[in-house]
C-alpha atoms as a PDB file:
ATOM      1  CA  GLU A   1     -42.416 -17.703 -52.492  1.00  0.00           C
ATOM      2  CA  SER A   2     -40.081 -18.896 -55.236  1.00  0.00           C
ATOM      3  CA  ALA A   3     -36.664 -18.156 -53.692  1.00  0.00           C
ATOM      4  CA  ILE A   4     -35.736 -21.823 -53.271  1.00  0.00           C
ATOM      5  CA  GLU A   5     -36.728 -22.631 -56.844  1.00  0.00           C
ATOM      6  CA  MET A   6     -34.709 -19.654 -58.106  1.00  0.00           C
ATOM      7  CA  HIS A   7     -31.689 -20.831 -56.112  1.00  0.00           C
ATOM      8  CA  ILE A   8     -32.019 -24.371 -57.488  1.00  0.00           C
ATOM      9  CA  GLU A   9     -32.241 -23.008 -61.052  1.00  0.00           C
ATOM     10  CA  LYS A  10     -28.994 -21.078 -60.463  1.00  0.00           C
ATOM     11  CA  VAL A  11     -27.286 -24.228 -59.127  1.00  0.00           C
ATOM     12  CA  LEU A  12     -28.440 -26.299 -62.102  1.00  0.00           C
ATOM     13  CA  ALA A  13     -27.187 -23.609 -64.499  1.00  0.00           C
ATOM     14  CA  LEU A  14     -23.628 -23.811 -63.168  1.00  0.00           C
ATOM     15  CA  ASP A  15     -21.199 -25.288 -65.690  1.00  0.00           C
ATOM     16  CA  LEU A  16     -19.541 -27.297 -62.917  1.00  0.00           C
ATOM     17  CA  VAL A  17     -22.766 -29.112 -61.961  1.00  0.00           C
ATOM     18  CA  ASP A  18     -23.437 -32.237 -64.016  1.00  0.00           C
ATOM     19  CA  ALA A  19     -27.019 -33.190 -63.171  1.00  0.00           C
ATOM     20  CA  ASP A  20     -27.029 -35.924 -65.825  1.00  0.00           C
ATOM     21  CA  ALA A  21     -24.050 -37.645 -64.190  1.00  0.00           C
ATOM     22  CA  ILE A  22     -25.665 -37.310 -60.766  1.00  0.00           C
ATOM     23  CA  GLU A  23     -28.904 -38.814 -62.032  1.00  0.00           C
ATOM     24  CA  ALA A  24     -27.063 -41.641 -63.816  1.00  0.00           C
ATOM     25  CA  ALA A  25     -25.205 -42.522 -60.612  1.00  0.00           C
ATOM     26  CA  ASN A  26     -28.521 -43.507 -59.006  1.00  0.00           C
ATOM     27  CA  PHE A  27     -27.504 -42.186 -55.592  1.00  0.00           C
ATOM     28  CA  HIS A  28     -29.296 -42.922 -52.335  1.00  0.00           C
ATOM     29  CA  VAL A  29     -28.919 -39.860 -50.074  1.00  0.00           C
ATOM     30  CA  VAL A  30     -29.919 -39.426 -46.440  1.00  0.00           C
ATOM     31  CA  VAL A  31     -30.741 -35.859 -45.357  1.00  0.00           C
ATOM     32  CA  ASP A  32     -30.854 -34.499 -41.777  1.00  0.00           C
ATOM     33  CA  ALA A  33     -32.167 -30.933 -41.793  1.00  0.00           C
ATOM     34  CA  VAL A  34     -32.872 -30.570 -38.038  1.00  0.00           C
ATOM     35  CA  ASN A  35     -36.478 -29.588 -38.856  1.00  0.00           C
ATOM     36  CA  SER A  36     -35.322 -26.389 -40.534  1.00  0.00           C
ATOM     37  CA  VAL A  37     -35.710 -24.765 -43.938  1.00  0.00           C
ATOM     38  CA  GLY A  38     -33.109 -27.254 -45.171  1.00  0.00           C
ATOM     39  CA  GLY A  39     -35.856 -29.866 -44.913  1.00  0.00           C
ATOM     40  CA  ILE A  40     -37.530 -28.146 -47.838  1.00  0.00           C
ATOM     41  CA  ALA A  41     -34.534 -26.931 -49.842  1.00  0.00           C
ATOM     42  CA  VAL A  42     -32.141 -29.893 -49.691  1.00  0.00           C
ATOM     43  CA  PRO A  43     -34.585 -32.584 -50.872  1.00  0.00           C
ATOM     44  CA  MET A  44     -35.840 -30.217 -53.600  1.00  0.00           C
ATOM     45  CA  LEU A  45     -32.289 -29.638 -54.815  1.00  0.00           C
ATOM     46  CA  LEU A  46     -31.488 -33.352 -54.754  1.00  0.00           C
ATOM     47  CA  GLU A  47     -34.641 -34.139 -56.736  1.00  0.00           C
ATOM     48  CA  ALA A  48     -33.769 -31.440 -59.276  1.00  0.00           C
ATOM     49  CA  LEU A  49     -30.333 -33.043 -59.621  1.00  0.00           C
ATOM     50  CA  GLY A  50     -31.970 -36.373 -60.434  1.00  0.00           C
ATOM     51  CA  VAL A  51     -31.573 -38.150 -57.096  1.00  0.00           C
ATOM     52  CA  LYS A  52     -34.456 -40.622 -56.880  1.00  0.00           C
ATOM     53  CA  LYS A  53     -33.880 -42.173 -53.454  1.00  0.00           C
ATOM     54  CA  ILE A  54     -33.834 -39.664 -50.610  1.00  0.00           C
ATOM     55  CA  THR A  55     -34.279 -40.675 -46.981  1.00  0.00           C
ATOM     56  CA  GLU A  56     -35.424 -37.673 -44.978  1.00  0.00           C
ATOM     57  CA  LEU A  57     -34.594 -37.334 -41.291  1.00  0.00           C
ATOM     58  CA  PHE A  58     -35.974 -34.335 -39.424  1.00  0.00           C
ATOM     59  CA  CYS A  59     -37.047 -32.519 -42.572  1.00  0.00           C
ATOM     60  CA  GLU A  60     -40.277 -30.992 -41.270  1.00  0.00           C
ATOM     61  CA  PRO A  61     -39.504 -27.269 -40.997  1.00  0.00           C
ATOM     62  CA  ASN A  62     -41.177 -26.719 -37.640  1.00  0.00           C
ATOM     63  CA  GLY A  63     -38.150 -25.294 -35.799  1.00  0.00           C
ATOM     64  CA  SER A  64     -38.163 -28.045 -33.191  1.00  0.00           C
ATOM     65  CA  PHE A  65     -34.589 -29.329 -33.232  1.00  0.00           C
ATOM     66  CA  PRO A  66     -34.463 -33.082 -32.516  1.00  0.00           C
ATOM     67  CA  HIS A  67     -30.779 -32.822 -31.525  1.00  0.00           C
ATOM     68  CA  ASN A  68     -28.140 -30.146 -31.165  1.00  0.00           C
ATOM     69  CA  PRO A  69     -28.345 -28.375 -34.549  1.00  0.00           C
ATOM     70  CA  GLU A  70     -24.609 -27.804 -34.973  1.00  0.00           C
ATOM     71  CA  PRO A  71     -23.575 -30.170 -37.805  1.00  0.00           C
ATOM     72  CA  LEU A  72     -20.720 -31.677 -35.806  1.00  0.00           C
ATOM     73  CA  PRO A  73     -19.908 -35.402 -35.560  1.00  0.00           C
ATOM     74  CA  GLU A  74     -21.081 -35.665 -31.947  1.00  0.00           C
ATOM     75  CA  ASN A  75     -24.538 -34.400 -32.989  1.00  0.00           C
ATOM     76  CA  LEU A  76     -24.971 -36.553 -36.075  1.00  0.00           C
ATOM     77  CA  SER A  77     -25.093 -40.097 -34.750  1.00  0.00           C
ATOM     78  CA  ILE A  78     -28.626 -40.699 -36.073  1.00  0.00           C
ATOM     79  CA  ILE A  79     -27.797 -39.814 -39.682  1.00  0.00           C
ATOM     80  CA  SER A  80     -24.514 -41.735 -39.441  1.00  0.00           C
ATOM     81  CA  GLU A  81     -26.383 -44.860 -38.338  1.00  0.00           C
ATOM     82  CA  GLU A  82     -29.043 -44.414 -41.043  1.00  0.00           C
ATOM     83  CA  VAL A  83     -26.496 -43.983 -43.843  1.00  0.00           C
ATOM     84  CA  SER A  84     -24.636 -47.075 -42.723  1.00  0.00           C
ATOM     85  CA  LYS A  85     -27.646 -49.355 -42.128  1.00  0.00           C
ATOM     86  CA  SER A  86     -29.544 -48.311 -45.270  1.00  0.00           C
ATOM     87  CA  ASP A  87     -26.532 -48.707 -47.576  1.00  0.00           C
ATOM     88  CA  ALA A  88     -26.925 -45.091 -48.674  1.00  0.00           C
ATOM     89  CA  HIS A  89     -24.161 -43.575 -50.744  1.00  0.00           C
ATOM     90  CA  VAL A  90     -23.920 -40.398 -48.681  1.00  0.00           C
ATOM     91  CA  GLY A  91     -25.600 -38.338 -45.983  1.00  0.00           C
ATOM     92  CA  PHE A  92     -26.030 -34.573 -45.913  1.00  0.00           C
ATOM     93  CA  ALA A  93     -26.694 -32.692 -42.678  1.00  0.00           C
ATOM     94  CA  VAL A  94     -27.286 -28.947 -42.541  1.00  0.00           C
ATOM     95  CA  ASP A  95     -27.546 -26.385 -39.771  1.00  0.00           C
ATOM     96  CA  PRO A  96     -30.820 -24.483 -39.144  1.00  0.00           C
ATOM     97  CA  ASP A  97     -30.282 -21.841 -41.837  1.00  0.00           C
ATOM     98  CA  ALA A  98     -28.793 -24.446 -44.201  1.00  0.00           C
ATOM     99  CA  ASP A  99     -25.602 -22.509 -44.869  1.00  0.00           C
ATOM    100  CA  ARG A 100     -23.335 -25.195 -43.435  1.00  0.00           C
ATOM    101  CA  LEU A 101     -23.073 -28.734 -44.739  1.00  0.00           C
ATOM    102  CA  ALA A 102     -21.706 -31.832 -43.069  1.00  0.00           C
ATOM    103  CA  ILE A 103     -21.214 -34.965 -45.144  1.00  0.00           C
ATOM    104  CA  VAL A 104     -21.532 -38.523 -43.892  1.00  0.00           C
ATOM    105  CA  CYS A 105     -19.630 -41.132 -45.903  1.00  0.00           C
ATOM    106  CA  ASN A 106     -21.289 -44.381 -46.974  1.00  0.00           C
ATOM    107  CA  ASN A 107     -19.747 -46.213 -44.006  1.00  0.00           C
ATOM    108  CA  GLY A 108     -21.380 -43.789 -41.556  1.00  0.00           C
ATOM    109  CA  GLU A 109     -18.206 -41.850 -40.780  1.00  0.00           C
ATOM    110  CA  MET A 110     -18.087 -38.076 -40.995  1.00  0.00           C
ATOM    111  CA  PHE A 111     -16.273 -36.435 -43.877  1.00  0.00           C
ATOM    112  CA  GLY A 112     -15.782 -33.270 -41.832  1.00  0.00           C
ATOM    113  CA  GLU A 113     -17.153 -29.843 -42.538  1.00  0.00           C
ATOM    114  CA  GLU A 114     -13.722 -28.292 -43.080  1.00  0.00           C
ATOM    115  CA  PHE A 115     -12.864 -30.857 -45.749  1.00  0.00           C
ATOM    116  CA  THR A 116     -16.118 -30.217 -47.598  1.00  0.00           C
ATOM    117  CA  LEU A 117     -14.969 -26.701 -48.475  1.00  0.00           C
ATOM    118  CA  VAL A 118     -11.473 -27.907 -49.356  1.00  0.00           C
ATOM    119  CA  SER A 119     -12.711 -30.732 -51.605  1.00  0.00           C
ATOM    120  CA  ILE A 120     -15.111 -28.495 -53.477  1.00  0.00           C
ATOM    121  CA  ALA A 121     -12.433 -25.808 -53.855  1.00  0.00           C
ATOM    122  CA  ASP A 122     -10.031 -28.392 -55.289  1.00  0.00           C
ATOM    123  CA  TYR A 123     -12.670 -29.500 -57.814  1.00  0.00           C
ATOM    124  CA  VAL A 124     -13.624 -25.943 -58.795  1.00  0.00           C
ATOM    125  CA  LEU A 125     -10.052 -24.659 -59.013  1.00  0.00           C
ATOM    126  CA  ASN A 126      -9.100 -27.633 -61.150  1.00  0.00           C
ATOM    127  CA  LEU A 127     -11.694 -26.574 -63.730  1.00  0.00           C
ATOM    128  CA  THR A 128     -12.022 -22.826 -63.145  1.00  0.00           C
ATOM    129  CA  PRO A 129      -9.037 -20.696 -62.137  1.00  0.00           C
ATOM    130  CA  GLY A 130      -9.590 -18.195 -59.345  1.00  0.00           C
ATOM    131  CA  ASN A 131      -8.699 -17.140 -55.843  1.00  0.00           C
ATOM    132  CA  THR A 132     -10.198 -18.216 -52.529  1.00  0.00           C
ATOM    133  CA  VAL A 133     -11.231 -16.648 -49.228  1.00  0.00           C
ATOM    134  CA  SER A 134     -12.078 -18.236 -45.906  1.00  0.00           C
ATOM    135  CA  ASN A 135     -12.233 -17.011 -42.360  1.00  0.00           C
ATOM    136  CA  LEU A 136      -9.408 -17.258 -39.848  1.00  0.00           C
ATOM    137  CA  SER A 137     -11.029 -20.186 -38.026  1.00  0.00           C
ATOM    138  CA  SER A 138     -10.790 -22.399 -41.121  1.00  0.00           C
ATOM    139  CA  THR A 139      -8.202 -25.067 -41.733  1.00  0.00           C
ATOM    140  CA  GLN A 140      -5.006 -24.196 -43.613  1.00  0.00           C
ATOM    141  CA  ALA A 141      -5.917 -26.912 -46.104  1.00  0.00           C
ATOM    142  CA  LEU A 142      -7.859 -24.409 -48.250  1.00  0.00           C
ATOM    143  CA  LYS A 143      -4.779 -22.222 -48.494  1.00  0.00           C
ATOM    144  CA  ASP A 144      -2.688 -25.252 -49.447  1.00  0.00           C
ATOM    145  CA  ILE A 145      -5.145 -26.331 -52.164  1.00  0.00           C
ATOM    146  CA  THR A 146      -5.380 -22.777 -53.498  1.00  0.00           C
ATOM    147  CA  LEU A 147      -1.602 -22.447 -53.746  1.00  0.00           C
ATOM    148  CA  LYS A 148      -1.419 -25.872 -55.438  1.00  0.00           C
ATOM    149  CA  HIS A 149      -3.591 -24.402 -58.181  1.00  0.00           C
ATOM    150  CA  ASN A 150      -1.329 -21.330 -58.471  1.00  0.00           C
ATOM    151  CA  ALA A 151      -4.011 -19.029 -57.109  1.00  0.00           C
ATOM    152  CA  GLU A 152      -4.126 -16.576 -54.210  1.00  0.00           C
ATOM    153  CA  TYR A 153      -5.624 -17.359 -50.820  1.00  0.00           C
ATOM    154  CA  HIS A 154      -7.012 -14.624 -48.576  1.00  0.00           C
ATOM    155  CA  ALA A 155      -8.141 -14.857 -44.947  1.00  0.00           C
ATOM    156  CA  SER A 156     -10.919 -12.779 -43.440  1.00  0.00           C
ATOM    157  CA  ALA A 157     -12.243 -12.198 -39.966  1.00  0.00           C
ATOM    158  CA  VAL A 158     -14.751 -14.797 -38.724  1.00  0.00           C
ATOM    159  CA  GLY A 159     -18.321 -14.234 -39.901  1.00  0.00           C
ATOM    160  CA  GLU A 160     -20.099 -14.648 -43.212  1.00  0.00           C
ATOM    161  CA  ILE A 161     -20.285 -10.920 -43.883  1.00  0.00           C
ATOM    162  CA  ASN A 162     -16.510 -10.616 -43.409  1.00  0.00           C
ATOM    163  CA  VAL A 163     -15.837 -13.434 -45.880  1.00  0.00           C
ATOM    164  CA  VAL A 164     -18.160 -11.881 -48.471  1.00  0.00           C
ATOM    165  CA  GLU A 165     -16.631  -8.427 -48.035  1.00  0.00           C
ATOM    166  CA  LYS A 166     -13.138  -9.890 -48.444  1.00  0.00           C
ATOM    167  CA  MET A 167     -14.250 -11.803 -51.549  1.00  0.00           C
ATOM    168  CA  LYS A 168     -15.500  -8.596 -53.112  1.00  0.00           C
ATOM    169  CA  LYS A 169     -12.374  -6.695 -52.117  1.00  0.00           C
ATOM    170  CA  VAL A 170      -9.909  -9.215 -53.597  1.00  0.00           C
ATOM    171  CA  LYS A 171     -12.204 -10.227 -56.455  1.00  0.00           C
END
């Protein structure tokens, strides 16, 4: 019953998350959760981070996908239009199990799922030294960013379990 709340508490406890700065920025965020669990979790996380203006698209977790649920640019025209027309700062779209994030820039253009990982890795590695792992279908940009920070990059077979196993193996 409280798994989402526990997850949000863990996110807020991270040293790299500055909820005060997020709240002070007064962001307007559009969320497309394809009527999945993300429709519960993403708005809850944003609220916990201090985001006051959240526009929810397809956030009723009824399992009825209003469009192809893959968070790819060709499937995200509705959120792109909403971000652009509502002058939102950003849009977040997730897949049905909310483990993939696509970002829509304030002009309605996609930031690209591959660059989300790379941007976050650059931020984290800048503040916290460590190595990285991604699967073989990922862009080489993560490897490049990792090497820029004098860390080690490791590739794993495709699949979440393979990435996690590789992370554990190489620490």
